[in-house]
Amino acid sequence: MISSSFTVLLMTFGKSMFDTRLKPFYLRHFRKNDQDVDGEWAALYDLDTGDQAVDKMILRQSGHIIEGTCEYTLTHNVTKMRETRQFTLKGELKNDYLVLYYTNKSRASKGLGTMTLQIVDDGKELKGYGVFYDTVLNKLDPQDYEYKRVPKA
């Protein structure tokens, strides 16, 4: 009885170590089929209303699985007031294409969308297209995306 409990405990611990340590290490260092998108990305948008938006993503890559965060800051032209929204990102990287799904970090707020980005300029830019839910107008809006990699300090 004690040996079977110990075996189950050892197997559970072993699987946990494999999933959290060994597998990500292997995927990052030995599987070279995918591009590297790990790090910080930023985009600046001048909107039709005269407002300006800054979109910053921090991506963490484990093989072809991508997770991260996004901070979208809108600065109003007239009032100079700033609105910031934070999103959680999840996605996949296949060859030169990154597919991301994002949701608002705040459960009290709506906000979600998807984007498909192509890695261009030797991995320095992500360009693509997406659709997001506009919470003010209560509709889906298409959007062109163009992120640039932020150099590491």
Protein backbone atom coordinates (compact mmCIF):
# COMPACT_ATOMS: atom_id res chain seq x y z
CA MET A 1 0.00 0.00 0.00
CA ILE A 2 2.74 2.46 0.92
CA SER A 3 4.82 1.51 -2.12
CA SER A 4 1.91 2.05 -4.52
CA SER A 5 1.16 5.45 -2.98
CA PHE A 6 4.84 6.36 -3.24
CA THR A 7 4.88 5.22 -6.90
CA VAL A 8 1.83 7.37 -7.73
CA LEU A 9 3.39 10.35 -5.96
CA LEU A 10 6.71 9.84 -7.78
CA MET A 11 4.97 9.51 -11.18
CA THR A 12 2.92 12.67 -10.56
CA PHE A 13 6.02 14.61 -9.55
CA GLY A 14 7.93 13.26 -12.57
CA LYS A 15 5.19 14.29 -15.01
CA SER A 16 4.99 17.73 -13.44
CA MET A 17 8.76 18.23 -13.78
CA PHE A 18 8.66 17.03 -17.39
CA ASP A 19 5.78 19.35 -18.33
CA THR A 20 7.10 22.44 -16.53
CA ARG A 21 10.88 22.14 -16.94
CA LEU A 22 12.16 19.56 -19.41
CA LYS A 23 9.65 19.94 -22.24
CA PRO A 24 9.91 23.77 -22.48
CA PHE A 25 13.72 23.52 -22.29
CA TYR A 26 13.77 20.95 -25.11
CA LEU A 27 11.36 22.94 -27.28
CA ARG A 28 13.29 26.17 -26.82
CA HIS A 29 16.84 24.86 -27.31
CA PHE A 30 16.58 21.86 -29.62
CA ARG A 31 13.53 22.36 -31.80
CA LYS A 32 14.54 25.00 -34.32
CA ASN A 33 11.65 24.81 -36.80
CA ASP A 34 9.89 27.84 -35.40
CA GLN A 35 10.97 31.47 -35.43
CA ASP A 36 11.73 33.27 -32.18
CA VAL A 37 9.05 35.79 -31.16
CA ASP A 38 9.90 35.83 -27.46
CA GLY A 39 10.20 39.33 -26.02
CA GLU A 40 8.62 42.76 -26.25
CA TRP A 41 6.80 44.17 -29.28
CA ALA A 42 5.25 47.61 -29.78
CA ALA A 43 2.95 49.37 -32.25
CA LEU A 44 1.95 53.01 -32.55
CA TYR A 45 -1.31 54.02 -34.25
CA ASP A 46 -2.66 57.41 -35.32
CA LEU A 47 -6.42 56.94 -35.37
CA ASP A 48 -8.94 58.65 -37.68
CA THR A 49 -10.28 60.61 -34.70
CA GLY A 50 -6.89 62.26 -34.13
CA ASP A 51 -6.32 60.10 -31.07
CA GLN A 52 -3.15 58.07 -30.67
CA ALA A 53 -2.82 54.49 -29.46
CA VAL A 54 0.19 52.50 -28.25
CA ASP A 55 0.00 48.72 -28.19
CA LYS A 56 2.72 46.83 -26.27
CA MET A 57 2.95 43.03 -26.20
CA ILE A 58 5.24 40.86 -24.12
CA LEU A 59 5.36 37.35 -25.56
CA ARG A 60 6.71 34.20 -23.92
CA GLN A 61 7.43 31.33 -26.28
CA SER A 62 7.69 27.63 -25.49
CA GLY A 63 8.20 25.87 -28.81
CA HIS A 64 5.17 26.74 -30.91
CA ILE A 65 3.00 27.74 -27.92
CA ILE A 66 2.82 31.48 -27.22
CA GLU A 67 1.51 33.23 -24.12
CA GLY A 68 1.81 36.79 -23.00
CA THR A 69 0.27 40.10 -22.11
CA CYS A 70 -0.73 43.18 -24.04
CA GLU A 71 -1.22 46.74 -22.84
CA TYR A 72 -3.25 49.05 -25.07
CA THR A 73 -3.07 52.77 -24.21
CA LEU A 74 -5.31 55.30 -25.96
CA THR A 75 -4.47 59.00 -25.63
CA HIS A 76 -7.36 61.29 -26.56
CA ASN A 77 -6.39 64.16 -28.86
CA VAL A 78 -8.55 66.88 -27.32
CA THR A 79 -8.55 66.05 -23.60
CA LYS A 80 -5.13 64.32 -23.50
CA MET A 81 -6.74 61.76 -21.17
CA ARG A 82 -5.25 58.27 -21.30
CA GLU A 83 -7.15 55.00 -21.16
CA THR A 84 -5.22 51.77 -20.63
CA ARG A 85 -6.52 48.24 -21.08
CA GLN A 86 -4.63 45.05 -20.38
CA PHE A 87 -5.13 41.78 -22.21
CA THR A 88 -4.02 38.19 -21.86
CA LEU A 89 -2.61 36.59 -25.02
CA LYS A 90 -2.57 32.93 -26.04
CA GLY A 91 -1.61 31.53 -29.38
CA GLU A 92 0.46 29.39 -31.67
CA LEU A 93 3.38 29.88 -33.99
CA LYS A 94 3.46 27.91 -37.23
CA ASN A 95 6.35 28.53 -39.60
CA ASP A 96 6.34 32.31 -40.15
CA TYR A 97 2.82 32.94 -38.84
CA LEU A 98 1.68 33.82 -35.34
CA VAL A 99 -1.99 33.36 -34.45
CA LEU A 100 -3.06 35.07 -31.22
CA TYR A 101 -6.30 35.16 -29.25
CA TYR A 102 -6.63 37.88 -26.63
CA THR A 103 -9.07 38.56 -23.81
CA ASN A 104 -9.40 41.45 -21.38
CA LYS A 105 -7.53 40.80 -18.11
CA SER A 106 -10.36 42.43 -16.17
CA ARG A 107 -13.33 40.10 -15.85
CA ALA A 108 -15.52 43.18 -15.33
CA SER A 109 -14.69 44.50 -18.81
CA LYS A 110 -15.50 43.13 -22.21
CA GLY A 111 -12.85 43.00 -24.85
CA LEU A 112 -11.48 40.21 -26.98
CA GLY A 113 -10.13 39.54 -30.41
CA THR A 114 -7.89 37.53 -32.67
CA MET A 115 -4.98 38.35 -34.93
CA THR A 116 -2.82 36.55 -37.46
CA LEU A 117 0.63 38.04 -37.89
CA GLN A 118 3.43 37.22 -40.30
CA ILE A 119 7.03 37.44 -39.14
CA VAL A 120 8.87 39.75 -41.55
CA ASP A 121 12.17 41.64 -41.87
CA ASP A 122 14.26 38.84 -40.34
CA GLY A 123 12.08 38.65 -37.22
CA LYS A 124 12.10 42.38 -36.49
CA GLU A 125 8.44 42.97 -37.37
CA LEU A 126 5.04 41.29 -37.07
CA LYS A 127 2.51 42.38 -39.71
CA GLY A 128 -0.99 41.12 -40.14
CA TYR A 129 -4.69 41.44 -39.66
CA GLY A 130 -7.16 40.89 -36.88
CA VAL A 131 -10.63 41.44 -35.56
CA PHE A 132 -11.52 42.89 -32.17
CA TYR A 133 -14.75 43.49 -30.30
CA ASP A 134 -15.43 47.23 -30.01
CA THR A 135 -17.09 47.58 -26.60
CA VAL A 136 -18.28 51.15 -27.24
CA LEU A 137 -20.02 50.44 -30.56
CA ASN A 138 -20.90 46.82 -29.67
CA LYS A 139 -19.56 45.41 -32.93
CA LEU A 140 -16.63 43.54 -34.43
CA ASP A 141 -14.02 45.71 -36.12
CA PRO A 142 -11.20 44.67 -38.47
CA GLN A 143 -7.73 46.04 -37.81
CA ASP A 144 -4.34 46.00 -39.53
CA TYR A 145 -1.50 45.28 -37.10
CA GLU A 146 2.15 46.20 -37.43
CA TYR A 147 4.40 45.52 -34.44
CA LYS A 148 8.12 46.17 -34.18
CA ARG A 149 10.42 44.21 -31.89
CA VAL A 150 11.67 46.30 -28.98
CA PRO A 151 15.44 45.82 -28.67
CA LYS A 152 16.63 44.27 -25.42
CA ALA A 153 18.42 46.75 -23.18
